[in-house]
C-alpha atoms as a PDB file:
ATOM      1  CA  MET A   1       0.000   0.000   0.000  1.00  0.00           C
ATOM      2  CA  ARG A   2       1.474   3.367  -0.964  1.00  0.00           C
ATOM      3  CA  PRO A   3       0.874   6.709   0.787  1.00  0.00           C
ATOM      4  CA  ARG A   4      -2.104   8.524  -0.683  1.00  0.00           C
ATOM      5  CA  ARG A   5      -2.630  12.200  -1.279  1.00  0.00           C
ATOM      6  CA  GLN A   6      -6.166  13.162  -2.213  1.00  0.00           C
ATOM      7  CA  GLU A   7      -7.461  16.381  -3.699  1.00  0.00           C
ATOM      8  CA  GLY A   8      -8.922  17.438  -0.343  1.00  0.00           C
ATOM      9  CA  GLN A   9      -5.757  16.805   1.642  1.00  0.00           C
ATOM     10  CA  SER A  10      -4.928  19.546   4.090  1.00  0.00           C
ATOM     11  CA  CYS A  11      -2.034  21.849   3.177  1.00  0.00           C
ATOM     12  CA  TYR A  12      -2.021  23.617   6.552  1.00  0.00           C
ATOM     13  CA  SER A  13       1.521  24.136   7.798  1.00  0.00           C
ATOM     14  CA  ALA A  14       2.696  21.062   9.715  1.00  0.00           C
ATOM     15  CA  ALA A  15       5.119  23.308  11.553  1.00  0.00           C
ATOM     16  CA  LEU A  16       2.150  24.798  13.374  1.00  0.00           C
ATOM     17  CA  MET A  17      -0.418  22.042  13.760  1.00  0.00           C
ATOM     18  CA  THR A  18      -1.087  18.632  12.270  1.00  0.00           C
ATOM     19  CA  PRO A  19      -4.697  17.689  11.434  1.00  0.00           C
ATOM     20  CA  ILE A  20      -5.617  14.150  12.505  1.00  0.00           C
ATOM     21  CA  LEU A  21      -8.899  12.226  12.618  1.00  0.00           C
ATOM     22  CA  PHE A  22     -10.315  10.629  15.783  1.00  0.00           C
ATOM     23  CA  SER A  23     -11.440   7.018  15.361  1.00  0.00           C
ATOM     24  CA  VAL A  24     -14.433   7.543  17.666  1.00  0.00           C
ATOM     25  CA  SER A  25     -15.976   9.335  14.689  1.00  0.00           C
ATOM     26  CA  TYR A  26     -16.367   5.998  12.902  1.00  0.00           C
ATOM     27  CA  SER A  27     -16.989   3.814  15.962  1.00  0.00           C
ATOM     28  CA  GLY A  28     -20.765   3.426  15.678  1.00  0.00           C
ATOM     29  CA  SER A  29     -21.125   4.722  19.239  1.00  0.00           C
ATOM     30  CA  TRP A  30     -24.014   7.060  18.366  1.00  0.00           C
ATOM     31  CA  GLY A  31     -25.598   4.898  15.701  1.00  0.00           C
ATOM     32  CA  GLN A  32     -23.295   6.158  12.970  1.00  0.00           C
ATOM     33  CA  ALA A  33     -21.360   3.984  10.528  1.00  0.00           C
ATOM     34  CA  ARG A  34     -18.667   1.771  12.081  1.00  0.00           C
ATOM     35  CA  LEU A  35     -15.225   0.983  10.689  1.00  0.00           C
ATOM     36  CA  ASP A  36     -12.613  -1.256  12.255  1.00  0.00           C
ATOM     37  CA  LEU A  37      -9.234   0.338  12.936  1.00  0.00           C
ATOM     38  CA  PHE A  38      -7.586  -0.887   9.735  1.00  0.00           C
ATOM     39  CA  GLU A  39     -10.474   0.475   7.682  1.00  0.00           C
ATOM     40  CA  PHE A  40     -10.388   3.684   9.681  1.00  0.00           C
ATOM     41  CA  VAL A  41      -6.667   4.220   9.020  1.00  0.00           C
ATOM     42  CA  ASP A  42      -7.318   3.899   5.283  1.00  0.00           C
ATOM     43  CA  LYS A  43     -10.294   6.262   5.579  1.00  0.00           C
ATOM     44  CA  ALA A  44      -8.234   8.948   7.343  1.00  0.00           C
ATOM     45  CA  ALA A  45      -5.527   8.746   4.670  1.00  0.00           C
ATOM     46  CA  ASP A  46      -8.042   8.831   1.825  1.00  0.00           C
ATOM     47  CA  LEU A  47      -9.715  11.924   3.278  1.00  0.00           C
ATOM     48  CA  GLY A  48      -6.362  13.729   3.479  1.00  0.00           C
ATOM     49  CA  PHE A  49      -5.530  13.679   7.192  1.00  0.00           C
ATOM     50  CA  LYS A  50      -1.925  13.563   8.405  1.00  0.00           C
ATOM     51  CA  GLY A  51      -2.543  11.172  11.280  1.00  0.00           C
ATOM     52  CA  VAL A  52      -5.035   9.422  13.523  1.00  0.00           C
ATOM     53  CA  MET A  53      -6.250   9.489  17.096  1.00  0.00           C
ATOM     54  CA  LEU A  54      -7.238   6.004  18.243  1.00  0.00           C
ATOM     55  CA  GLY A  55      -9.886   5.455  20.911  1.00  0.00           C
ATOM     56  CA  GLY A  56      -8.453   3.235  23.641  1.00  0.00           C
ATOM     57  CA  LYS A  57     -11.615   1.204  24.196  1.00  0.00           C
ATOM     58  CA  ARG A  58     -13.931  -1.123  22.293  1.00  0.00           C
ATOM     59  CA  PRO A  59     -14.726  -1.277  19.462  1.00  0.00           C
ATOM     60  CA  HIS A  60     -11.287   0.123  18.650  1.00  0.00           C
ATOM     61  CA  LEU A  61      -7.978   0.024  20.566  1.00  0.00           C
ATOM     62  CA  CYS A  62      -8.981  -1.877  23.716  1.00  0.00           C
ATOM     63  CA  PRO A  63      -5.825  -3.362  25.346  1.00  0.00           C
ATOM     64  CA  LEU A  64      -7.682  -6.638  25.930  1.00  0.00           C
ATOM     65  CA  ASP A  65      -8.107  -7.163  22.199  1.00  0.00           C
ATOM     66  CA  TRP A  66      -4.759  -6.209  20.639  1.00  0.00           C
ATOM     67  CA  SER A  67      -1.861  -8.677  20.698  1.00  0.00           C
ATOM     68  CA  ALA A  68       1.726  -7.704  19.910  1.00  0.00           C
ATOM     69  CA  ASP A  69       1.348  -9.109  16.379  1.00  0.00           C
ATOM     70  CA  GLN A  70      -1.852  -7.134  15.812  1.00  0.00           C
ATOM     71  CA  ARG A  71      -0.207  -3.940  17.029  1.00  0.00           C
ATOM     72  CA  THR A  72       2.687  -4.519  14.644  1.00  0.00           C
ATOM     73  CA  ALA A  73       0.246  -5.015  11.776  1.00  0.00           C
ATOM     74  CA  LEU A  74      -1.625  -1.842  12.693  1.00  0.00           C
ATOM     75  CA  ARG A  75       1.589   0.196  12.841  1.00  0.00           C
ATOM     76  CA  ARG A  76       2.577  -1.086   9.409  1.00  0.00           C
ATOM     77  CA  ARG A  77      -0.845  -0.117   8.053  1.00  0.00           C
ATOM     78  CA  ILE A  78      -0.490   3.388   9.497  1.00  0.00           C
ATOM     79  CA  GLU A  79       2.971   3.822   8.016  1.00  0.00           C
ATOM     80  CA  ALA A  80       1.945   2.396   4.643  1.00  0.00           C
ATOM     81  CA  ALA A  81      -0.915   4.905   4.516  1.00  0.00           C
ATOM     82  CA  GLY A  82       1.586   7.743   4.908  1.00  0.00           C
ATOM     83  CA  LEU A  83       0.218   8.898   8.278  1.00  0.00           C
ATOM     84  CA  THR A  84       2.847  10.599  10.426  1.00  0.00           C
ATOM     85  CA  GLU A  85       1.027  11.218  13.721  1.00  0.00           C
ATOM     86  CA  VAL A  86      -0.681   8.827  16.130  1.00  0.00           C
ATOM     87  CA  VAL A  87      -2.408   9.762  19.383  1.00  0.00           C
ATOM     88  CA  VAL A  88      -3.994   7.191  21.701  1.00  0.00           C
ATOM     89  CA  ALA A  89      -7.057   8.245  23.703  1.00  0.00           C
ATOM     90  CA  ALA A  90      -7.730   6.919  27.217  1.00  0.00           C
ATOM     91  CA  TYR A  91     -11.203   7.101  28.752  1.00  0.00           C
ATOM     92  CA  ASN A  92     -10.362   7.288  32.436  1.00  0.00           C
ATOM     93  CA  ASN A  93     -12.252   8.916  35.292  1.00  0.00           C
ATOM     94  CA  PHE A  94      -9.987   9.049  38.336  1.00  0.00           C
ATOM     95  CA  THR A  95     -12.815   9.984  40.708  1.00  0.00           C
ATOM     96  CA  ALA A  96     -15.075   7.075  39.770  1.00  0.00           C
ATOM     97  CA  ASP A  97     -16.784   4.908  42.418  1.00  0.00           C
ATOM     98  CA  LEU A  98     -15.588   6.727  45.533  1.00  0.00           C
ATOM     99  CA  GLU A  99     -18.399   5.040  47.473  1.00  0.00           C
ATOM    100  CA  HIS A 100     -16.558   1.733  47.501  1.00  0.00           C
ATOM    101  CA  ALA A 101     -13.072   2.221  48.904  1.00  0.00           C
ATOM    102  CA  GLU A 102     -12.397  -1.518  48.927  1.00  0.00           C
ATOM    103  CA  SER A 103     -12.330  -1.516  45.112  1.00  0.00           C
ATOM    104  CA  PRO A 104      -8.895  -0.388  43.806  1.00  0.00           C
ATOM    105  CA  MET A 105     -10.447   1.847  41.169  1.00  0.00           C
ATOM    106  CA  ARG A 106      -7.524   4.258  40.994  1.00  0.00           C
ATOM    107  CA  GLU A 107      -5.051   1.393  40.563  1.00  0.00           C
ATOM    108  CA  ILE A 108      -7.216  -0.144  37.847  1.00  0.00           C
ATOM    109  CA  GLN A 109      -7.343   3.114  35.913  1.00  0.00           C
ATOM    110  CA  ILE A 110      -3.640   3.824  36.342  1.00  0.00           C
ATOM    111  CA  ALA A 111      -2.921   0.340  34.984  1.00  0.00           C
ATOM    112  CA  HIS A 112      -5.227   1.042  32.041  1.00  0.00           C
ATOM    113  CA  VAL A 113      -3.418   4.282  31.163  1.00  0.00           C
ATOM    114  CA  ALA A 114      -0.059   2.505  31.549  1.00  0.00           C
ATOM    115  CA  ASP A 115      -1.234  -0.235  29.164  1.00  0.00           C
ATOM    116  CA  LEU A 116      -2.253   2.374  26.600  1.00  0.00           C
ATOM    117  CA  ALA A 117       1.119   4.120  26.939  1.00  0.00           C
ATOM    118  CA  ARG A 118       2.876   0.845  26.147  1.00  0.00           C
ATOM    119  CA  ILE A 119       0.558   0.253  23.184  1.00  0.00           C
ATOM    120  CA  ALA A 120       1.087   3.843  22.019  1.00  0.00           C
ATOM    121  CA  ALA A 121       4.841   3.283  21.935  1.00  0.00           C
ATOM    122  CA  ASP A 122       4.317   0.079  19.926  1.00  0.00           C
ATOM    123  CA  LEU A 123       2.318   2.103  17.383  1.00  0.00           C
ATOM    124  CA  GLY A 124       4.932   4.849  17.106  1.00  0.00           C
ATOM    125  CA  SER A 125       2.891   7.324  19.138  1.00  0.00           C
ATOM    126  CA  SER A 126       4.366   9.771  21.615  1.00  0.00           C
ATOM    127  CA  LYS A 127       1.210  10.805  23.486  1.00  0.00           C
ATOM    128  CA  VAL A 128      -1.835   9.451  25.277  1.00  0.00           C
ATOM    129  CA  ARG A 129      -4.851  11.700  25.818  1.00  0.00           C
ATOM    130  CA  VAL A 130      -6.276  11.359  29.342  1.00  0.00           C
ATOM    131  CA  PHE A 131      -9.125  12.875  31.365  1.00  0.00           C
ATOM    132  CA  THR A 132      -9.242  14.092  34.978  1.00  0.00           C
ATOM    133  CA  GLY A 133     -12.410  13.200  36.897  1.00  0.00           C
ATOM    134  CA  TYR A 134     -16.044  14.112  37.332  1.00  0.00           C
ATOM    135  CA  GLN A 135     -16.921  15.925  40.543  1.00  0.00           C
ATOM    136  CA  HIS A 136     -18.129  13.247  42.963  1.00  0.00           C
ATOM    137  CA  PRO A 137     -20.547  14.435  45.695  1.00  0.00           C
ATOM    138  CA  PRO A 138     -19.365  12.195  48.579  1.00  0.00           C
ATOM    139  CA  SER A 139     -15.846  13.667  48.619  1.00  0.00           C
ATOM    140  CA  PRO A 140     -14.602  17.266  49.114  1.00  0.00           C
ATOM    141  CA  HIS A 141     -13.274  19.001  46.020  1.00  0.00           C
ATOM    142  CA  TYR A 142      -9.726  19.333  47.369  1.00  0.00           C
ATOM    143  CA  ASP A 143      -9.511  15.618  48.188  1.00  0.00           C
ATOM    144  CA  GLN A 144     -10.546  14.752  44.633  1.00  0.00           C
ATOM    145  CA  TRP A 145      -8.083  17.278  43.245  1.00  0.00           C
ATOM    146  CA  GLN A 146      -5.244  15.685  45.199  1.00  0.00           C
ATOM    147  CA  MET A 147      -6.347  12.232  44.070  1.00  0.00           C
ATOM    148  CA  ILE A 148      -6.167  13.311  40.425  1.00  0.00           C
ATOM    149  CA  VAL A 149      -2.765  14.951  40.907  1.00  0.00           C
ATOM    150  CA  SER A 150      -1.447  11.742  42.442  1.00  0.00           C
ATOM    151  CA  CYS A 151      -2.898   9.556  39.672  1.00  0.00           C
ATOM    152  CA  LEU A 152      -1.589  11.774  36.877  1.00  0.00           C
ATOM    153  CA  ARG A 153       1.851  11.889  38.467  1.00  0.00           C
ATOM    154  CA  GLU A 154       2.042   8.096  38.648  1.00  0.00           C
ATOM    155  CA  CYS A 155       0.656   7.682  35.129  1.00  0.00           C
ATOM    156  CA  SER A 156       3.186  10.212  33.814  1.00  0.00           C
ATOM    157  CA  ARG A 157       6.099   8.333  35.330  1.00  0.00           C
ATOM    158  CA  LEU A 158       4.867   5.020  33.970  1.00  0.00           C
ATOM    159  CA  ALA A 159       4.300   6.519  30.511  1.00  0.00           C
ATOM    160  CA  ALA A 160       7.771   8.092  30.538  1.00  0.00           C
ATOM    161  CA  LYS A 161       9.290   4.598  30.630  1.00  0.00           C
ATOM    162  CA  HIS A 162       7.889   4.138  27.124  1.00  0.00           C
ATOM    163  CA  GLY A 163       8.860   7.609  25.885  1.00  0.00           C
ATOM    164  CA  VAL A 164       5.223   8.708  25.965  1.00  0.00           C
ATOM    165  CA  ALA A 165       3.654  11.936  27.229  1.00  0.00           C
ATOM    166  CA  LEU A 166       0.223  12.420  28.759  1.00  0.00           C
ATOM    167  CA  ALA A 167      -2.085  15.057  27.269  1.00  0.00           C
ATOM    168  CA  VAL A 168      -4.704  16.068  29.844  1.00  0.00           C
ATOM    169  CA  GLN A 169      -7.993  17.159  28.274  1.00  0.00           C
ATOM    170  CA  ASN A 170     -10.239  19.786  29.888  1.00  0.00           C
ATOM    171  CA  HIS A 171     -13.307  17.606  29.566  1.00  0.00           C
ATOM    172  CA  HIS A 172     -14.373  16.272  32.971  1.00  0.00           C
ATOM    173  CA  ASP A 173     -15.548  18.549  35.803  1.00  0.00           C
ATOM    174  CA  ILE A 174     -12.266  18.918  37.668  1.00  0.00           C
ATOM    175  CA  ALA A 175      -9.787  21.331  36.023  1.00  0.00           C
ATOM    176  CA  VAL A 176     -12.145  22.014  33.116  1.00  0.00           C
ATOM    177  CA  ASP A 177     -11.396  25.760  33.354  1.00  0.00           C
ATOM    178  CA  HIS A 178      -8.100  26.676  31.684  1.00  0.00           C
ATOM    179  CA  ARG A 179      -6.717  28.347  34.808  1.00  0.00           C
ATOM    180  CA  SER A 180      -7.501  25.272  36.871  1.00  0.00           C
ATOM    181  CA  LEU A 181      -5.974  23.014  34.226  1.00  0.00           C
ATOM    182  CA  LYS A 182      -2.779  25.056  34.336  1.00  0.00           C
ATOM    183  CA  ASP A 183      -2.749  24.786  38.142  1.00  0.00           C
ATOM    184  CA  LEU A 184      -3.294  21.033  37.920  1.00  0.00           C
ATOM    185  CA  LEU A 185      -0.444  20.428  35.491  1.00  0.00           C
ATOM    186  CA  GLU A 186       1.889  22.529  37.610  1.00  0.00           C
ATOM    187  CA  ALA A 187       0.860  20.539  40.687  1.00  0.00           C
ATOM    188  CA  VAL A 188       1.597  17.259  38.896  1.00  0.00           C
ATOM    189  CA  GLY A 189       5.030  18.629  38.057  1.00  0.00           C
ATOM    190  CA  GLU A 190       6.060  15.984  35.519  1.00  0.00           C
ATOM    191  CA  PRO A 191       7.728  17.153  32.284  1.00  0.00           C
ATOM    192  CA  ASN A 192       5.726  14.704  30.169  1.00  0.00           C
ATOM    193  CA  CYS A 193       2.347  15.713  31.638  1.00  0.00           C
ATOM    194  CA  LEU A 194       1.005  18.317  29.226  1.00  0.00           C
ATOM    195  CA  ALA A 195      -2.319  19.796  28.162  1.00  0.00           C
ATOM    196  CA  ALA A 196      -4.826  18.679  25.549  1.00  0.00           C
ATOM    197  CA  PHE A 197      -6.630  22.014  25.698  1.00  0.00           C
ATOM    198  CA  ASP A 198      -9.958  22.187  23.869  1.00  0.00           C
ATOM    199  CA  ALA A 199     -12.245  25.079  22.933  1.00  0.00           C
ATOM    200  CA  TRP A 200     -15.628  23.402  23.434  1.00  0.00           C
ATOM    201  CA  ALA A 201     -15.930  23.571  27.241  1.00  0.00           C
ATOM    202  CA  PRO A 202     -14.618  27.154  27.655  1.00  0.00           C
ATOM    203  CA  ALA A 203     -16.871  28.296  24.817  1.00  0.00           C
ATOM    204  CA  LEU A 204     -19.875  26.963  26.730  1.00  0.00           C
ATOM    205  CA  HIS A 205     -18.575  28.700  29.855  1.00  0.00           C
ATOM    206  CA  GLY A 206     -18.370  32.080  28.102  1.00  0.00           C
ATOM    207  CA  THR A 207     -14.573  32.222  28.360  1.00  0.00           C
ATOM    208  CA  ASP A 208     -12.497  34.448  26.064  1.00  0.00           C
ATOM    209  CA  LEU A 209     -11.187  31.698  23.776  1.00  0.00           C
ATOM    210  CA  GLY A 210      -8.324  33.720  22.353  1.00  0.00           C
ATOM    211  CA  ALA A 211      -6.920  34.695  25.738  1.00  0.00           C
ATOM    212  CA  ALA A 212      -7.398  31.202  27.180  1.00  0.00           C
ATOM    213  CA  ALA A 213      -5.734  29.532  24.194  1.00  0.00           C
ATOM    214  CA  ARG A 214      -2.781  31.893  24.276  1.00  0.00           C
ATOM    215  CA  ALA A 215      -2.297  31.262  28.000  1.00  0.00           C
ATOM    216  CA  MET A 216      -2.447  27.487  27.573  1.00  0.00           C
ATOM    217  CA  ALA A 217      -0.457  27.210  24.324  1.00  0.00           C
ATOM    218  CA  PRO A 218       3.017  26.802  25.897  1.00  0.00           C
ATOM    219  CA  MET A 219       1.943  23.648  27.738  1.00  0.00           C
ATOM    220  CA  THR A 220      -0.468  22.298  25.082  1.00  0.00           C
ATOM    221  CA  THR A 221       0.572  19.395  22.870  1.00  0.00           C
ATOM    222  CA  HIS A 222      -2.821  18.440  21.458  1.00  0.00           C
ATOM    223  CA  THR A 223      -6.348  19.722  20.982  1.00  0.00           C
ATOM    224  CA  THR A 224      -9.552  17.990  19.886  1.00  0.00           C
ATOM    225  CA  VAL A 225     -12.160  19.978  18.006  1.00  0.00           C
ATOM    226  CA  ALA A 226     -15.787  19.797  16.928  1.00  0.00           C
ATOM    227  CA  ASP A 227     -18.313  22.543  16.299  1.00  0.00           C
ATOM    228  CA  TYR A 228     -21.850  22.853  17.624  1.00  0.00           C
ATOM    229  CA  GLN A 229     -24.999  24.939  17.491  1.00  0.00           C
ATOM    230  CA  LEU A 230     -27.237  25.453  20.496  1.00  0.00           C
ATOM    231  CA  ARG A 231     -30.793  24.183  20.287  1.00  0.00           C
ATOM    232  CA  PRO A 232     -33.224  25.754  22.806  1.00  0.00           C
ATOM    233  CA  ARG A 233     -35.325  23.423  24.959  1.00  0.00           C
ATOM    234  CA  PHE A 234     -38.573  24.135  26.846  1.00  0.00           C
ATOM    235  CA  HIS A 235     -40.807  22.355  29.331  1.00  0.00           C
ATOM    236  CA  TYR A 236     -44.541  22.889  29.145  1.00  0.00           C
ATOM    237  CA  GLU A 237     -46.133  23.962  32.449  1.00  0.00           C
ATOM    238  CA  PRO A 238     -49.940  23.457  32.222  1.00  0.00           C
ATOM    239  CA  GLU A 239     -50.772  25.587  35.265  1.00  0.00           C
ATOM    240  CA  ALA A 240     -49.168  28.574  33.562  1.00  0.00           C
ATOM    241  CA  VAL A 241     -50.304  27.600  30.067  1.00  0.00           C
ATOM    242  CA  SER A 242     -46.744  28.415  29.046  1.00  0.00           C
ATOM    243  CA  TYR A 243     -43.225  27.066  28.703  1.00  0.00           C
ATOM    244  CA  ALA A 244     -40.229  27.208  31.036  1.00  0.00           C
ATOM    245  CA  ALA A 245     -36.816  27.449  29.413  1.00  0.00           C
ATOM    246  CA  ARG A 246     -34.415  24.575  29.999  1.00  0.00           C
ATOM    247  CA  GLN A 247     -30.707  24.147  29.337  1.00  0.00           C
ATOM    248  CA  PRO A 248     -30.163  24.090  25.564  1.00  0.00           C
ATOM    249  CA  TYR A 249     -28.621  21.012  24.017  1.00  0.00           C
ATOM    250  CA  VAL A 250     -25.750  21.092  21.563  1.00  0.00           C
ATOM    251  CA  GLN A 251     -26.045  19.822  17.995  1.00  0.00           C
ATOM    252  CA  ALA A 252     -22.882  18.851  16.116  1.00  0.00           C
ATOM    253  CA  VAL A 253     -22.520  20.778  12.846  1.00  0.00           C
ATOM    254  CA  PRO A 254     -19.745  21.254  10.256  1.00  0.00           C
ATOM    255  CA  MET A 255     -16.702  23.242  11.326  1.00  0.00           C
ATOM    256  CA  GLY A 256     -17.227  26.970  11.210  1.00  0.00           C
ATOM    257  CA  GLU A 257     -21.025  26.755  11.406  1.00  0.00           C
ATOM    258  CA  GLY A 258     -21.342  26.598  15.188  1.00  0.00           C
ATOM    259  CA  PHE A 259     -20.974  28.859  18.205  1.00  0.00           C
ATOM    260  CA  VAL A 260     -17.345  27.932  18.980  1.00  0.00           C
ATOM    261  CA  ASP A 261     -15.091  30.717  17.686  1.00  0.00           C
ATOM    262  CA  TYR A 262     -12.311  28.495  16.385  1.00  0.00           C
ATOM    263  CA  ARG A 263     -10.633  31.286  14.451  1.00  0.00           C
ATOM    264  CA  LYS A 264     -10.075  33.134  17.699  1.00  0.00           C
ATOM    265  CA  PHE A 265      -9.065  29.912  19.462  1.00  0.00           C
ATOM    266  CA  PHE A 266      -6.450  28.900  16.881  1.00  0.00           C
ATOM    267  CA  SER A 267      -5.184  32.455  16.646  1.00  0.00           C
ATOM    268  CA  GLY A 268      -4.560  32.360  20.394  1.00  0.00           C
ATOM    269  CA  LEU A 269      -2.832  28.974  20.183  1.00  0.00           C
ATOM    270  CA  ARG A 270      -0.548  30.159  17.398  1.00  0.00           C
ATOM    271  CA  ALA A 271       0.251  33.402  19.206  1.00  0.00           C
ATOM    272  CA  GLY A 272       1.252  31.358  22.256  1.00  0.00           C
ATOM    273  CA  GLY A 273       3.555  29.114  20.219  1.00  0.00           C
ATOM    274  CA  PHE A 274       1.451  25.956  19.898  1.00  0.00           C
ATOM    275  CA  SER A 275       2.827  23.264  17.624  1.00  0.00           C
ATOM    276  CA  GLY A 276       1.013  19.953  17.935  1.00  0.00           C
ATOM    277  CA  THR A 277      -1.804  17.724  16.784  1.00  0.00           C
ATOM    278  CA  VAL A 278      -5.373  18.840  16.112  1.00  0.00           C
ATOM    279  CA  ALA A 279      -7.905  15.984  16.116  1.00  0.00           C
ATOM    280  CA  TYR A 280     -11.315  16.280  14.547  1.00  0.00           C
ATOM    281  CA  GLU A 281     -13.975  14.249  16.329  1.00  0.00           C
ATOM    282  CA  MET A 282     -17.568  13.366  15.541  1.00  0.00           C
ATOM    283  CA  CYS A 283     -18.559  12.201  19.005  1.00  0.00           C
ATOM    284  CA  SER A 284     -22.293  12.909  19.061  1.00  0.00           C
ATOM    285  CA  PRO A 285     -25.161  12.684  16.550  1.00  0.00           C
ATOM    286  CA  LEU A 286     -24.353  14.773  13.483  1.00  0.00           C
ATOM    287  CA  LEU A 287     -26.585  17.117  11.584  1.00  0.00           C
ATOM    288  CA  GLY A 288     -27.414  15.088   8.499  1.00  0.00           C
ATOM    289  CA  GLY A 289     -27.180  11.651  10.089  1.00  0.00           C
ATOM    290  CA  GLY A 290     -24.583   8.960  10.633  1.00  0.00           C
ATOM    291  CA  SER A 291     -23.965   7.596   7.141  1.00  0.00           C
ATOM    292  CA  VAL A 292     -20.389   7.188   5.938  1.00  0.00           C
ATOM    293  CA  GLU A 293     -21.085   9.849   3.321  1.00  0.00           C
ATOM    294  CA  ASN A 294     -22.167  12.393   5.944  1.00  0.00           C
ATOM    295  CA  LEU A 295     -19.260  11.534   8.244  1.00  0.00           C
ATOM    296  CA  ASP A 296     -16.880  12.040   5.338  1.00  0.00           C
ATOM    297  CA  ARG A 297     -18.507  15.379   4.475  1.00  0.00           C
ATOM    298  CA  HIS A 298     -17.988  16.665   8.003  1.00  0.00           C
ATOM    299  CA  ALA A 299     -14.388  15.433   8.036  1.00  0.00           C
ATOM    300  CA  ARG A 300     -13.619  17.192   4.758  1.00  0.00           C
ATOM    301  CA  SER A 301     -15.223  20.394   6.024  1.00  0.00           C
ATOM    302  CA  PHE A 302     -12.812  20.318   8.951  1.00  0.00           C
ATOM    303  CA  LEU A 303      -9.799  20.083   6.627  1.00  0.00           C
ATOM    304  CA  SER A 304     -11.147  22.943   4.530  1.00  0.00           C
ATOM    305  CA  PHE A 305     -11.619  25.027   7.657  1.00  0.00           C
ATOM    306  CA  ILE A 306      -8.077  24.313   8.855  1.00  0.00           C
ATOM    307  CA  ASP A 307      -6.690  25.302   5.447  1.00  0.00           C
ATOM    308  CA  SER A 308      -8.655  28.565   5.587  1.00  0.00           C
ATOM    309  CA  LEU A 309      -6.668  29.568   8.682  1.00  0.00           C
ATOM    310  CA  ALA A 310      -3.342  29.561   6.819  1.00  0.00           C
END
């Protein structure tokens, strides 16, 4: 198999950021079309991406399912497709199940991240995306913060043995604000524990995306992007013969058509010196449905948007 370059392939400067495609987009998790990882690698190359982000769980890169021989075959497929970047995505939650202290949940999750770091190295990847934790009511915030610091520190040291860095995403409740994420990474204090700073959460919070991105850029190695529109929701109240407003839901739409100001976000990242991977994800129901054709359309729109920033 020879490397492929398609008409839609991104020409955005690799010195600044490298566009990659997240396998969760073709995982079938929200009823959309499903590809296995070998098919997905070919799909990413055909669409014009420079690399892939591989979900570290079923139906994709679950450590239980991938032998050494299978990992070797996958790496060869990635290299044959001409893809130069690989990121592995963990799905940890370090604050899970605090009600049952007898269960070694933290140890289990640390072992899972360590397994993915080893697999990442086998695939030629230098980074594993990780989460922090959801706020858990039974435990004080500071105790959960310290728990996450401790877990990330241990995971970082285990990953370093394989030459792999951790990229901490501002996704779960704890350290979702960019200032808190910066504090968290400084508290961990490991050179290979970096940020996977995203625009989606701060955009929902009303944060200045340009200022936040510029502040986080020096410690950011990766970002994952998707764009959304807000859809209002209402609850009918018969006694008032009227409707009460509820929290809007977000609808995934093509890049540049949503409320997330990605031009401001990427401008801030570039101004702060960011040079890393940018993964496009389709991780919720898409406008237009979950067919392969619609998934491909959204993926191509992302590459076009990235090129428009040059």
